[in-house]
Each structure stands twice: as structure tokens, then as C-alpha cells.
Amino acid sequence: MLVDYHGMYKPSGIQHTYPNIINFEGVKGLENVKWGVKDHPGYDVSIPFIRMLAGPMDYTPGAMRNANQANWRAVNDNPISQGTRCHQLAMYTIFEAPLQMLADNPTIYQKEQECTDFIAAIPTTFDETYAIDGSVGNYVAIARRKGTTWFAGAMTSWDARDASIDLSFLGDGKYRAIIFEDGVNADRDATDYKKTIVIVTAKDKLNIKMAAGGGWSARFEKM
């Protein structure tokens, strides 16, 4: 039996006594967008430094209907997330959640198979976590390792941002990097993204551009 406290129950260390308790909400997850909260990207880049320090959090990420600040609206029965598609993808690496989920409906994920496959390859538990960079309420970048594979994600607030991802956390040798980044039109169409595959080493740095409410996510496979 697994227990997930999906409600405003905050972590208190009880999972050390009952290890079948694996996740807690205690966070204003994605559903709050459909009720009219207008600055969720700013919230998304605050909670890794605040709520997540107390333990895993059941946030419910993975929206495939994405909108920019100018064209977002609150829709209760067919909700739209704030920020870009890559902002949502990055959550699966950045947010600690041993029981993770997909917030949208199955039809959407069937239509967005490339993004769905990328999400499905991200583990729910990791062997190592590395903080790349961040500023509370502004941006966050985190890398996590599972076995020999590294996963990295970055998100920004409603401020567009350029960033440098230092890959010194990688081990020796070459890695095949599968990267999802905001597309050239992401500032107007939040669903726009670009997928690239490159070969990198720990000596490299990746210069990334995140649109307003944007994000970046990558998987590094040991070669």
C-alpha cells in the first residue's frame, strides 16, 4: 500500500515512521491556475527553495495546454497552464515527487507523444541532486542523477531569461543530451518548443534562452 496525502497536509517527517507514505501536497499545485491565480510561474520558481525543503510535494504538473501571460485566461472545465510547454517539462526534474502524475487528459498526451515520451523517461526517485543555479521567485536550475544518466531542468518567472548551464556535474566521458527548449515563437505561442540532440562533456556549458514563464529540460545519457 502506498499513501499520498493529496491535500494541504504538510510533510512532518512521518514518512520516516511509515515508509509507505511517499508524498504530500501542502502546495498550491497546477489546479490553482483554473481558479484565477495570475502569477503561477513566479510561484513555481519559489517553492523549490521553500516548500520543497520540507520534503516531497505533490504538485500535479504536465499541462499540454499552455499560454503566455497575455493570452492566458481562467477556464475551470478546460484549464490552461501559465508559461511554456518546457516550463511544464522541467517540473518533472525540478520538483521532488516519488509519486508523480500527468495533469492533462490521455488524448492530449497521445497527440503530444514526443513530450510524453520525454516525461515518461524521467525517474521519480534519484541517486544524486545538484543545484545548478537559482534565485527565489526568479529562476531555478537543478540536475539529478539516476545511475549513469543525468536529468536537468530550468524554469523562469514571467521574466524572460538567458542562462548558462554548467555541465561540470556530469561524470567523465561523453554524454548524449536530449534537450527540450522554448521555441523561437514561445513568447507568442507557449506550446512552441524545440528538441535537439547534441554530444556534450562535463567541460561544456550550454547557453539557454527561456521565454517569459519559460523553461528548459534535458536528459544526458552516458555514451
Protein backbone atom coordinates (compact mmCIF):
# COMPACT_ATOMS: atom_id res chain seq x y z
CA MET A 1 0.00 0.00 0.00
CA LEU A 2 1.22 3.48 -0.91
CA VAL A 3 -0.11 6.64 0.75
CA ASP A 4 -0.16 10.04 -0.95
CA TYR A 5 -1.56 12.90 1.15
CA HIS A 6 -3.12 14.92 -1.66
CA GLY A 7 -4.41 17.94 0.24
CA MET A 8 -2.92 20.73 2.29
CA TYR A 9 -1.20 18.23 4.60
CA LYS A 10 2.38 19.38 5.08
CA PRO A 11 5.31 16.95 5.48
CA SER A 12 6.37 16.47 9.08
CA GLY A 13 8.77 13.52 8.97
CA ILE A 14 6.01 10.95 9.37
CA GLN A 15 7.32 9.06 6.32
CA HIS A 16 10.35 8.03 8.42
CA THR A 17 7.97 6.08 10.68
CA TYR A 18 5.65 4.90 7.93
CA PRO A 19 7.77 4.46 4.77
CA ASN A 20 4.68 3.67 2.70
CA ILE A 21 3.81 7.39 2.99
CA ILE A 22 5.66 8.65 -0.05
CA ASN A 23 4.22 12.02 -0.99
CA PHE A 24 2.46 15.10 0.39
CA GLU A 25 0.77 18.04 -1.25
CA GLY A 26 0.88 21.04 1.07
CA VAL A 27 1.46 23.17 -2.02
CA LYS A 28 -0.71 25.20 -4.39
CA GLY A 29 -0.46 22.91 -7.39
CA LEU A 30 -1.39 23.40 -11.00
CA GLU A 31 -5.14 23.24 -10.34
CA ASN A 32 -4.94 26.73 -8.82
CA VAL A 33 -4.44 28.16 -12.31
CA LYS A 34 -8.02 27.34 -13.30
CA TRP A 35 -9.24 29.35 -10.30
CA GLY A 36 -7.59 32.56 -11.43
CA VAL A 37 -4.12 32.72 -9.79
CA LYS A 38 -2.21 35.01 -12.16
CA ASP A 39 1.46 34.50 -11.27
CA HIS A 40 2.00 30.78 -11.16
CA PRO A 41 5.41 30.87 -12.91
CA GLY A 42 6.66 33.08 -10.07
CA TYR A 43 5.26 30.59 -7.58
CA ASP A 44 6.83 27.67 -9.46
CA VAL A 45 10.29 29.17 -9.06
CA SER A 46 9.74 29.94 -5.37
CA ILE A 47 8.56 26.60 -3.95
CA PRO A 48 11.78 24.64 -4.70
CA PHE A 49 13.53 26.94 -2.21
CA ILE A 50 10.69 26.99 0.34
CA ARG A 51 8.10 24.21 0.47
CA MET A 52 10.28 21.54 -1.15
CA LEU A 53 12.94 21.88 1.55
CA ALA A 54 10.46 20.17 3.89
CA GLY A 55 10.15 17.09 1.69
CA PRO A 56 8.43 15.75 -1.44
CA MET A 57 5.48 17.68 -2.85
CA ASP A 58 2.52 16.52 -4.91
CA TYR A 59 2.20 19.42 -7.35
CA THR A 60 0.42 17.75 -10.35
CA PRO A 61 2.46 19.04 -13.33
CA GLY A 62 2.34 18.17 -17.01
CA ALA A 63 -0.13 20.53 -18.72
CA MET A 64 -0.05 20.37 -22.50
CA ARG A 65 -2.38 23.35 -22.98
CA ASN A 66 -0.01 26.24 -22.36
CA ALA A 67 -0.47 30.01 -22.55
CA ASN A 68 1.57 33.19 -22.29
CA GLN A 69 0.75 35.92 -19.80
CA ALA A 70 -1.11 37.99 -22.41
CA ASN A 71 -3.39 35.23 -23.72
CA TRP A 72 -3.97 33.14 -20.58
CA ARG A 73 -7.42 33.05 -19.02
CA ALA A 74 -9.01 31.07 -16.20
CA VAL A 75 -11.08 28.17 -17.57
CA ASN A 76 -12.40 25.79 -14.93
CA ASP A 77 -13.52 22.87 -17.12
CA ASN A 78 -10.71 23.02 -19.72
CA PRO A 79 -7.80 24.66 -17.87
CA ILE A 80 -4.76 26.25 -19.47
CA SER A 81 -1.39 26.44 -17.73
CA GLN A 82 0.63 29.63 -17.39
CA GLY A 83 4.01 29.61 -19.07
CA THR A 84 5.55 27.48 -21.77
CA ARG A 85 5.49 23.78 -22.56
CA CYS A 86 9.13 23.47 -21.50
CA HIS A 87 8.27 25.12 -18.17
CA GLN A 88 5.97 22.14 -17.57
CA LEU A 89 8.52 19.56 -18.73
CA ALA A 90 11.18 20.94 -16.38
CA MET A 91 8.93 20.36 -13.35
CA TYR A 92 9.44 16.60 -13.56
CA THR A 93 13.13 17.03 -12.77
CA ILE A 94 12.97 20.08 -10.51
CA PHE A 95 10.07 19.08 -8.25
CA GLU A 96 10.72 16.20 -5.85
CA ALA A 97 7.79 13.77 -6.08
CA PRO A 98 8.23 9.99 -5.63
CA LEU A 99 4.66 9.51 -6.92
CA GLN A 100 4.38 11.71 -10.00
CA MET A 101 1.46 12.24 -12.36
CA LEU A 102 0.29 13.72 -15.65
CA ALA A 103 -2.23 16.51 -15.11
CA ASP A 104 -3.84 16.61 -18.55
CA ASN A 105 -6.11 14.12 -20.32
CA PRO A 106 -4.96 10.99 -22.22
CA THR A 107 -5.99 12.34 -25.63
CA ILE A 108 -3.69 15.32 -25.25
CA TYR A 109 -0.72 13.11 -24.39
CA GLN A 110 -1.40 10.87 -27.38
CA LYS A 111 -1.28 13.95 -29.60
CA GLU A 112 1.91 15.19 -27.90
CA GLN A 113 3.80 11.88 -27.99
CA GLU A 114 7.28 13.43 -28.18
CA CYS A 115 6.77 15.38 -24.95
CA THR A 116 5.01 12.43 -23.30
CA ASP A 117 7.90 10.07 -24.08
CA PHE A 118 10.36 12.58 -22.64
CA ILE A 119 8.36 12.90 -19.40
CA ALA A 120 7.97 9.13 -19.10
CA ALA A 121 11.76 8.67 -19.18
CA ILE A 122 12.29 10.89 -16.11
CA PRO A 123 12.54 8.82 -12.89
CA THR A 124 10.55 9.62 -9.75
CA THR A 125 13.49 8.96 -7.42
CA PHE A 126 17.15 9.85 -7.92
CA ASP A 127 20.59 8.92 -6.59
CA GLU A 128 22.04 12.43 -6.50
CA THR A 129 20.84 16.04 -6.72
CA TYR A 130 22.93 19.00 -7.85
CA ALA A 131 21.81 22.63 -7.55
CA ILE A 132 22.98 24.45 -10.68
CA ASP A 133 21.69 27.96 -10.02
CA GLY A 134 18.67 29.87 -8.80
CA SER A 135 17.09 32.88 -7.15
CA VAL A 136 13.90 32.67 -5.09
CA GLY A 137 10.94 33.85 -7.13
CA ASN A 138 13.06 34.46 -10.23
CA TYR A 139 14.52 31.23 -11.63
CA VAL A 140 15.76 27.77 -10.68
CA ALA A 141 18.01 25.15 -12.31
CA ILE A 142 18.56 21.68 -10.87
CA ALA A 143 20.24 18.48 -12.09
CA ARG A 144 19.55 14.98 -10.76
CA ARG A 145 21.29 11.65 -11.43
CA LYS A 146 19.81 8.18 -11.75
CA GLY A 147 22.51 5.58 -12.30
CA THR A 148 24.74 6.94 -15.07
CA THR A 149 22.04 9.19 -16.57
CA TRP A 150 21.61 12.84 -15.59
CA PHE A 151 18.45 14.90 -15.87
CA ALA A 152 18.38 18.70 -15.70
CA GLY A 153 15.66 21.32 -15.68
CA ALA A 154 15.39 25.10 -15.51
CA MET A 155 12.40 27.41 -15.12
CA THR A 156 11.93 31.16 -15.01
CA SER A 157 9.24 33.54 -13.77
CA TRP A 158 7.27 35.82 -16.09
CA ASP A 159 10.64 37.44 -16.88
CA ALA A 160 12.35 36.06 -19.98
CA ARG A 161 15.87 34.99 -19.14
CA ASP A 162 19.19 33.90 -20.64
CA ALA A 163 21.16 31.42 -18.57
CA SER A 164 24.30 29.31 -18.70
CA ILE A 165 24.05 25.66 -17.67
CA ASP A 166 27.45 24.48 -16.44
CA LEU A 167 27.69 20.74 -17.12
CA SER A 168 30.51 20.12 -14.63
CA PHE A 169 28.14 17.84 -12.67
CA LEU A 170 28.47 15.22 -15.42
CA GLY A 171 30.93 12.38 -14.99
CA ASP A 172 33.87 11.56 -17.24
CA GLY A 173 33.40 10.84 -20.89
CA LYS A 174 30.78 11.86 -23.43
CA TYR A 175 27.03 12.18 -22.98
CA ARG A 176 24.18 12.23 -25.48
CA ALA A 177 21.98 15.18 -24.49
CA ILE A 178 18.29 15.21 -25.47
CA ILE A 179 17.21 18.81 -24.96
CA PHE A 180 13.77 20.45 -24.95
CA GLU A 181 13.88 24.24 -25.03
CA ASP A 182 11.48 27.12 -25.68
CA GLY A 183 10.90 27.58 -29.40
CA VAL A 184 11.52 30.81 -31.29
CA ASN A 185 7.81 31.63 -31.10
CA ALA A 186 7.35 30.64 -27.44
CA ASP A 187 6.93 34.29 -26.47
CA ARG A 188 3.70 34.29 -28.53
CA ASP A 189 2.70 30.62 -28.54
CA ALA A 190 3.57 28.92 -25.25
CA THR A 191 3.26 25.45 -26.78
CA ASP A 192 6.18 26.10 -29.13
CA TYR A 193 9.31 24.15 -28.28
CA LYS A 194 12.44 22.83 -29.95
CA LYS A 195 14.03 19.42 -29.46
CA THR A 196 17.73 18.96 -30.15
CA ILE A 197 20.24 16.15 -29.60
CA VAL A 198 23.91 17.03 -29.04
CA ILE A 199 27.03 15.37 -27.66
CA VAL A 200 28.49 17.06 -24.56
CA THR A 201 31.05 16.56 -21.79
CA ALA A 202 31.50 17.90 -18.26
CA LYS A 203 33.70 20.66 -19.69
CA ASP A 204 30.84 22.19 -21.67
CA LYS A 205 28.40 24.95 -20.85
CA LEU A 206 25.02 25.31 -22.54
CA ASN A 207 23.69 28.81 -23.14
CA ILE A 208 19.91 28.73 -22.98
CA LYS A 209 17.12 31.23 -23.61
CA MET A 210 13.88 30.95 -21.67
CA ALA A 211 10.81 32.89 -22.77
CA ALA A 212 8.61 34.64 -20.21
CA GLY A 213 7.27 31.86 -18.00
CA GLY A 214 9.64 29.58 -19.85
CA GLY A 215 11.73 26.55 -19.16
CA TRP A 216 14.36 24.11 -20.36
CA SER A 217 14.80 20.39 -19.77
CA ALA A 218 17.37 17.79 -20.77
CA ARG A 219 18.41 14.16 -20.35
CA PHE A 220 22.12 13.25 -20.51
CA GLU A 221 22.81 9.64 -21.43
CA LYS A 222 26.28 8.21 -20.85
CA MET A 223 27.87 7.05 -24.12
